[in-house]
Amino acid sequence: MISTTDKLRCVLREISYRKHVYRRRVADGFMTEAQANREIELMEAIAIDYRTMAAAEAPQTEMFTEKERP
């Protein structure tokens, strides 16, 4: 099974990759800076979604241990 955290890590790697590659594509005239920024913004929005989902899926820790319970 592929977890939400795994997907988030993949998206974060992809953002890093795109920032590197798109810089070159813009410099070479294959892509406008606006296009590159838009594509990166889309991936960053996906990362936010996955980060939110991963946090919701994470096990919640107890505020108190048994000895500390009121």
PDB file of N, CA and C in Angstrom:
ATOM      1  N   MET A   1       0.833  -1.179   0.000  1.00  0.00           N
ATOM      2  CA  MET A   1       0.000   0.000   0.000  1.00  0.00           C
ATOM      3  C   MET A   1       0.887   1.255   0.000  1.00  0.00           C
ATOM      4  N   ILE A   2       0.470   2.246  -0.704  1.00  0.00           N
ATOM      5  CA  ILE A   2       1.201   3.508  -0.758  1.00  0.00           C
ATOM      6  C   ILE A   2       0.505   4.485   0.183  1.00  0.00           C
ATOM      7  N   SER A   3       1.241   4.936   1.182  1.00  0.00           N
ATOM      8  CA  SER A   3       0.644   5.810   2.198  1.00  0.00           C
ATOM      9  C   SER A   3       0.596   7.261   1.718  1.00  0.00           C
ATOM     10  N   THR A   4      -0.202   8.034   2.405  1.00  0.00           N
ATOM     11  CA  THR A   4      -0.281   9.463   2.114  1.00  0.00           C
ATOM     12  C   THR A   4       1.066  10.131   2.356  1.00  0.00           C
ATOM     13  N   THR A   5       1.772   9.697   3.387  1.00  0.00           N
ATOM     14  CA  THR A   5       3.100  10.251   3.666  1.00  0.00           C
ATOM     15  C   THR A   5       4.064   9.943   2.527  1.00  0.00           C
ATOM     16  N   ASP A   6       3.989   8.729   1.974  1.00  0.00           N
ATOM     17  CA  ASP A   6       4.826   8.383   0.816  1.00  0.00           C
ATOM     18  C   ASP A   6       4.507   9.293  -0.369  1.00  0.00           C
ATOM     19  N   LYS A   7       3.224   9.532  -0.597  1.00  0.00           N
ATOM     20  CA  LYS A   7       2.810  10.408  -1.696  1.00  0.00           C
ATOM     21  C   LYS A   7       3.320  11.830  -1.468  1.00  0.00           C
ATOM     22  N   LEU A   8       3.241  12.300  -0.236  1.00  0.00           N
ATOM     23  CA  LEU A   8       3.733  13.639   0.090  1.00  0.00           C
ATOM     24  C   LEU A   8       5.225  13.742  -0.197  1.00  0.00           C
ATOM     25  N   ARG A   9       5.983  12.754   0.231  1.00  0.00           N
ATOM     26  CA  ARG A   9       7.429  12.772  -0.027  1.00  0.00           C
ATOM     27  C   ARG A   9       7.723  12.813  -1.524  1.00  0.00           C
ATOM     28  N   CYS A  10       6.959  12.068  -2.292  1.00  0.00           N
ATOM     29  CA  CYS A  10       7.140  12.043  -3.742  1.00  0.00           C
ATOM     30  C   CYS A  10       6.836  13.414  -4.349  1.00  0.00           C
ATOM     31  N   VAL A  11       5.758  14.032  -3.901  1.00  0.00           N
ATOM     32  CA  VAL A  11       5.400  15.357  -4.407  1.00  0.00           C
ATOM     33  C   VAL A  11       6.488  16.375  -4.065  1.00  0.00           C
ATOM     34  N   LEU A  12       7.031  16.304  -2.858  1.00  0.00           N
ATOM     35  CA  LEU A  12       8.089  17.238  -2.465  1.00  0.00           C
ATOM     36  C   LEU A  12       9.339  17.053  -3.325  1.00  0.00           C
ATOM     37  N   ARG A  13       9.669  15.791  -3.639  1.00  0.00           N
ATOM     38  CA  ARG A  13      10.801  15.535  -4.547  1.00  0.00           C
ATOM     39  C   ARG A  13      10.511  16.105  -5.930  1.00  0.00           C
ATOM     40  N   GLU A  14       9.270  15.934  -6.393  1.00  0.00           N
ATOM     41  CA  GLU A  14       8.880  16.425  -7.713  1.00  0.00           C
ATOM     42  C   GLU A  14       8.973  17.953  -7.782  1.00  0.00           C
ATOM     43  N   ILE A  15       8.583  18.631  -6.723  1.00  0.00           N
ATOM     44  CA  ILE A  15       8.687  20.095  -6.693  1.00  0.00           C
ATOM     45  C   ILE A  15      10.143  20.516  -6.840  1.00  0.00           C
ATOM     46  N   SER A  16      11.015  19.871  -6.095  1.00  0.00           N
ATOM     47  CA  SER A  16      12.441  20.178  -6.175  1.00  0.00           C
ATOM     48  C   SER A  16      12.966  19.941  -7.588  1.00  0.00           C
ATOM     49  N   TYR A  17      12.567  18.821  -8.175  1.00  0.00           N
ATOM     50  CA  TYR A  17      12.987  18.476  -9.535  1.00  0.00           C
ATOM     51  C   TYR A  17      12.494  19.524 -10.532  1.00  0.00           C
ATOM     52  N   ARG A  18      11.224  19.888 -10.423  1.00  0.00           N
ATOM     53  CA  ARG A  18      10.660  20.858 -11.361  1.00  0.00           C
ATOM     54  C   ARG A  18      11.337  22.218 -11.249  1.00  0.00           C
ATOM     55  N   LYS A  19      11.637  22.641 -10.036  1.00  0.00           N
ATOM     56  CA  LYS A  19      12.318  23.928  -9.869  1.00  0.00           C
ATOM     57  C   LYS A  19      13.653  23.922 -10.608  1.00  0.00           C
ATOM     58  N   HIS A  20      14.346  22.820 -10.548  1.00  0.00           N
ATOM     59  CA  HIS A  20      15.634  22.692 -11.235  1.00  0.00           C
ATOM     60  C   HIS A  20      15.450  22.661 -12.756  1.00  0.00           C
ATOM     61  N   VAL A  21      14.550  21.813 -13.222  1.00  0.00           N
ATOM     62  CA  VAL A  21      14.363  21.615 -14.662  1.00  0.00           C
ATOM     63  C   VAL A  21      13.703  22.829 -15.314  1.00  0.00           C
ATOM     64  N   TYR A  22      12.688  23.380 -14.674  1.00  0.00           N
ATOM     65  CA  TYR A  22      11.965  24.498 -15.284  1.00  0.00           C
ATOM     66  C   TYR A  22      12.844  25.734 -15.436  1.00  0.00           C
ATOM     67  N   ARG A  23      13.776  25.930 -14.510  1.00  0.00           N
ATOM     68  CA  ARG A  23      14.704  27.060 -14.630  1.00  0.00           C
ATOM     69  C   ARG A  23      15.443  26.976 -15.970  1.00  0.00           C
ATOM     70  N   ARG A  24      15.877  25.778 -16.305  1.00  0.00           N
ATOM     71  CA  ARG A  24      16.596  25.563 -17.568  1.00  0.00           C
ATOM     72  C   ARG A  24      15.653  25.714 -18.761  1.00  0.00           C
ATOM     73  N   ARG A  25      14.431  25.187 -18.638  1.00  0.00           N
ATOM     74  CA  ARG A  25      13.470  25.279 -19.743  1.00  0.00           C
ATOM     75  C   ARG A  25      13.102  26.734 -20.039  1.00  0.00           C
ATOM     76  N   VAL A  26      12.968  27.534 -18.985  1.00  0.00           N
ATOM     77  CA  VAL A  26      12.682  28.962 -19.177  1.00  0.00           C
ATOM     78  C   VAL A  26      13.874  29.631 -19.862  1.00  0.00           C
ATOM     79  N   ALA A  27      15.070  29.352 -19.385  1.00  0.00           N
ATOM     80  CA  ALA A  27      16.278  29.947 -19.967  1.00  0.00           C
ATOM     81  C   ALA A  27      16.441  29.568 -21.435  1.00  0.00           C
ATOM     82  N   ASP A  28      16.039  28.340 -21.782  1.00  0.00           N
ATOM     83  CA  ASP A  28      16.173  27.864 -23.165  1.00  0.00           C
ATOM     84  C   ASP A  28      14.985  28.259 -24.041  1.00  0.00           C
ATOM     85  N   GLY A  29      13.979  28.929 -23.463  1.00  0.00           N
ATOM     86  CA  GLY A  29      12.831  29.397 -24.235  1.00  0.00           C
ATOM     87  C   GLY A  29      11.754  28.362 -24.492  1.00  0.00           C
ATOM     88  N   PHE A  30      11.813  27.219 -23.835  1.00  0.00           N
ATOM     89  CA  PHE A  30      10.806  26.173 -24.022  1.00  0.00           C
ATOM     90  C   PHE A  30       9.571  26.383 -23.153  1.00  0.00           C
ATOM     91  N   MET A  31       9.665  27.308 -22.208  1.00  0.00           N
ATOM     92  CA  MET A  31       8.592  27.515 -21.246  1.00  0.00           C
ATOM     93  C   MET A  31       8.707  28.955 -20.755  1.00  0.00           C
ATOM     94  N   THR A  32       7.564  29.593 -20.524  1.00  0.00           N
ATOM     95  CA  THR A  32       7.630  30.937 -19.955  1.00  0.00           C
ATOM     96  C   THR A  32       7.787  30.835 -18.440  1.00  0.00           C
ATOM     97  N   GLU A  33       8.255  31.917 -17.847  1.00  0.00           N
ATOM     98  CA  GLU A  33       8.391  31.929 -16.394  1.00  0.00           C
ATOM     99  C   GLU A  33       7.020  31.784 -15.727  1.00  0.00           C
ATOM    100  N   ALA A  34       5.994  32.383 -16.338  1.00  0.00           N
ATOM    101  CA  ALA A  34       4.635  32.270 -15.793  1.00  0.00           C
ATOM    102  C   ALA A  34       4.160  30.817 -15.814  1.00  0.00           C
ATOM    103  N   GLN A  35       4.437  30.101 -16.901  1.00  0.00           N
ATOM    104  CA  GLN A  35       4.056  28.684 -16.979  1.00  0.00           C
ATOM    105  C   GLN A  35       4.784  27.870 -15.917  1.00  0.00           C
ATOM    106  N   ALA A  36       6.060  28.115 -15.773  1.00  0.00           N
ATOM    107  CA  ALA A  36       6.854  27.383 -14.782  1.00  0.00           C
ATOM    108  C   ALA A  36       6.327  27.648 -13.374  1.00  0.00           C
ATOM    109  N   ASN A  37       6.074  28.917 -13.074  1.00  0.00           N
ATOM    110  CA  ASN A  37       5.561  29.258 -11.747  1.00  0.00           C
ATOM    111  C   ASN A  37       4.211  28.607 -11.483  1.00  0.00           C
ATOM    112  N   ARG A  38       3.344  28.606 -12.480  1.00  0.00           N
ATOM    113  CA  ARG A  38       2.009  28.007 -12.328  1.00  0.00           C
ATOM    114  C   ARG A  38       2.118  26.513 -12.047  1.00  0.00           C
ATOM    115  N   GLU A  39       2.953  25.812 -12.797  1.00  0.00           N
ATOM    116  CA  GLU A  39       3.119  24.369 -12.593  1.00  0.00           C
ATOM    117  C   GLU A  39       3.664  24.065 -11.197  1.00  0.00           C
ATOM    118  N   ILE A  40       4.609  24.860 -10.747  1.00  0.00           N
ATOM    119  CA  ILE A  40       5.173  24.651  -9.411  1.00  0.00           C
ATOM    120  C   ILE A  40       4.127  24.968  -8.345  1.00  0.00           C
ATOM    121  N   GLU A  41       3.353  26.042  -8.544  1.00  0.00           N
ATOM    122  CA  GLU A  41       2.285  26.378  -7.599  1.00  0.00           C
ATOM    123  C   GLU A  41       1.264  25.252  -7.484  1.00  0.00           C
ATOM    124  N   LEU A  42       0.937  24.628  -8.601  1.00  0.00           N
ATOM    125  CA  LEU A  42      -0.006  23.503  -8.577  1.00  0.00           C
ATOM    126  C   LEU A  42       0.535  22.352  -7.737  1.00  0.00           C
ATOM    127  N   MET A  43       1.804  22.021  -7.940  1.00  0.00           N
ATOM    128  CA  MET A  43       2.401  20.934  -7.160  1.00  0.00           C
ATOM    129  C   MET A  43       2.493  21.304  -5.683  1.00  0.00           C
ATOM    130  N   GLU A  44       2.770  22.562  -5.386  1.00  0.00           N
ATOM    131  CA  GLU A  44       2.827  22.991  -3.987  1.00  0.00           C
ATOM    132  C   GLU A  44       1.448  22.903  -3.335  1.00  0.00           C
ATOM    133  N   ALA A  45       0.389  23.193  -4.097  1.00  0.00           N
ATOM    134  CA  ALA A  45      -0.974  23.053  -3.575  1.00  0.00           C
ATOM    135  C   ALA A  45      -1.288  21.587  -3.290  1.00  0.00           C
ATOM    136  N   ILE A  46      -0.835  20.702  -4.158  1.00  0.00           N
ATOM    137  CA  ILE A  46      -1.022  19.267  -3.935  1.00  0.00           C
ATOM    138  C   ILE A  46      -0.272  18.839  -2.682  1.00  0.00           C
ATOM    139  N   ALA A  47       0.931  19.366  -2.488  1.00  0.00           N
ATOM    140  CA  ALA A  47       1.712  19.038  -1.289  1.00  0.00           C
ATOM    141  C   ALA A  47       0.972  19.473  -0.026  1.00  0.00           C
ATOM    142  N   ILE A  48       0.351  20.643  -0.063  1.00  0.00           N
ATOM    143  CA  ILE A  48      -0.421  21.107   1.096  1.00  0.00           C
ATOM    144  C   ILE A  48      -1.563  20.144   1.383  1.00  0.00           C
ATOM    145  N   ASP A  49      -2.253  19.710   0.332  1.00  0.00           N
ATOM    146  CA  ASP A  49      -3.352  18.744   0.517  1.00  0.00           C
ATOM    147  C   ASP A  49      -2.851  17.454   1.154  1.00  0.00           C
ATOM    148  N   TYR A  50      -1.754  16.914   0.632  1.00  0.00           N
ATOM    149  CA  TYR A  50      -1.213  15.665   1.183  1.00  0.00           C
ATOM    150  C   TYR A  50      -0.694  15.854   2.602  1.00  0.00           C
ATOM    151  N   ARG A  51      -0.106  17.014   2.889  1.00  0.00           N
ATOM    152  CA  ARG A  51       0.384  17.281   4.243  1.00  0.00           C
ATOM    153  C   ARG A  51      -0.798  17.292   5.225  1.00  0.00           C
ATOM    154  N   THR A  52      -1.903  17.896   4.820  1.00  0.00           N
ATOM    155  CA  THR A  52      -3.103  17.937   5.656  1.00  0.00           C
ATOM    156  C   THR A  52      -3.654  16.534   5.874  1.00  0.00           C
ATOM    157  N   MET A  53      -3.719  15.753   4.801  1.00  0.00           N
ATOM    158  CA  MET A  53      -4.229  14.378   4.922  1.00  0.00           C
ATOM    159  C   MET A  53      -3.316  13.522   5.789  1.00  0.00           C
ATOM    160  N   ALA A  54      -2.015  13.670   5.619  1.00  0.00           N
ATOM    161  CA  ALA A  54      -1.063  12.879   6.406  1.00  0.00           C
ATOM    162  C   ALA A  54      -1.177  13.218   7.887  1.00  0.00           C
ATOM    163  N   ALA A  55      -1.360  14.490   8.194  1.00  0.00           N
ATOM    164  CA  ALA A  55      -1.505  14.899   9.596  1.00  0.00           C
ATOM    165  C   ALA A  55      -2.778  14.319  10.196  1.00  0.00           C
ATOM    166  N   ALA A  56      -3.847  14.269   9.415  1.00  0.00           N
ATOM    167  CA  ALA A  56      -5.113  13.720   9.904  1.00  0.00           C
ATOM    168  C   ALA A  56      -5.017  12.213  10.127  1.00  0.00           C
ATOM    169  N   GLU A  57      -4.183  11.544   9.341  1.00  0.00           N
ATOM    170  CA  GLU A  57      -4.030  10.090   9.464  1.00  0.00           C
ATOM    171  C   GLU A  57      -3.050   9.692  10.561  1.00  0.00           C
ATOM    172  N   ALA A  58      -2.204  10.622  10.986  1.00  0.00           N
ATOM    173  CA  ALA A  58      -1.181  10.303  11.993  1.00  0.00           C
ATOM    174  C   ALA A  58      -1.851   9.962  13.315  1.00  0.00           C
ATOM    175  N   PRO A  59      -1.303   8.983  14.023  1.00  0.00           N
ATOM    176  CA  PRO A  59      -1.884   8.631  15.317  1.00  0.00           C
ATOM    177  C   PRO A  59      -1.762   9.807  16.281  1.00  0.00           C
ATOM    178  N   GLN A  60      -2.824  10.052  16.995  1.00  0.00           N
ATOM    179  CA  GLN A  60      -2.833  11.136  17.971  1.00  0.00           C
ATOM    180  C   GLN A  60      -2.187  10.651  19.259  1.00  0.00           C
ATOM    181  N   THR A  61      -1.296  11.438  19.812  1.00  0.00           N
ATOM    182  CA  THR A  61      -0.626  11.051  21.053  1.00  0.00           C
ATOM    183  C   THR A  61      -1.450  11.521  22.238  1.00  0.00           C
ATOM    184  N   GLU A  62      -1.321  10.801  23.311  1.00  0.00           N
ATOM    185  CA  GLU A  62      -2.033  11.145  24.539  1.00  0.00           C
ATOM    186  C   GLU A  62      -1.417  12.393  25.155  1.00  0.00           C
ATOM    187  N   MET A  63      -2.248  13.232  25.750  1.00  0.00           N
ATOM    188  CA  MET A  63      -1.736  14.412  26.443  1.00  0.00           C
ATOM    189  C   MET A  63      -1.094  14.039  27.770  1.00  0.00           C
ATOM    190  N   PHE A  64      -1.609  12.989  28.413  1.00  0.00           N
ATOM    191  CA  PHE A  64      -1.129  12.589  29.727  1.00  0.00           C
ATOM    192  C   PHE A  64      -0.773  11.114  29.705  1.00  0.00           C
ATOM    193  N   THR A  65       0.213  10.744  30.487  1.00  0.00           N
ATOM    194  CA  THR A  65       0.476   9.326  30.698  1.00  0.00           C
ATOM    195  C   THR A  65      -0.478   8.861  31.787  1.00  0.00           C
ATOM    196  N   GLU A  66      -0.555   7.572  31.997  1.00  0.00           N
ATOM    197  CA  GLU A  66      -1.464   7.041  33.023  1.00  0.00           C
ATOM    198  C   GLU A  66      -1.213   7.673  34.383  1.00  0.00           C
ATOM    199  N   LYS A  67       0.038   7.858  34.751  1.00  0.00           N
ATOM    200  CA  LYS A  67       0.378   8.413  36.066  1.00  0.00           C
ATOM    201  C   LYS A  67      -0.019   9.882  36.185  1.00  0.00           C
ATOM    202  N   GLU A  68      -0.068  10.588  35.064  1.00  0.00           N
ATOM    203  CA  GLU A  68      -0.343  12.019  35.103  1.00  0.00           C
ATOM    204  C   GLU A  68      -1.829  12.354  34.979  1.00  0.00           C
ATOM    205  N   ARG A  69      -2.657  11.368  34.694  1.00  0.00           N
ATOM    206  CA  ARG A  69      -4.080  11.652  34.486  1.00  0.00           C
ATOM    207  C   ARG A  69      -4.698  12.272  35.727  1.00  0.00           C
ATOM    208  N   PRO A  70      -5.523  13.297  35.530  1.00  0.00           N
ATOM    209  CA  PRO A  70      -6.199  13.923  36.673  1.00  0.00           C
ATOM    210  C   PRO A  70      -7.217  12.999  37.314  1.00  0.00           C
TER     211      PRO A  70
END
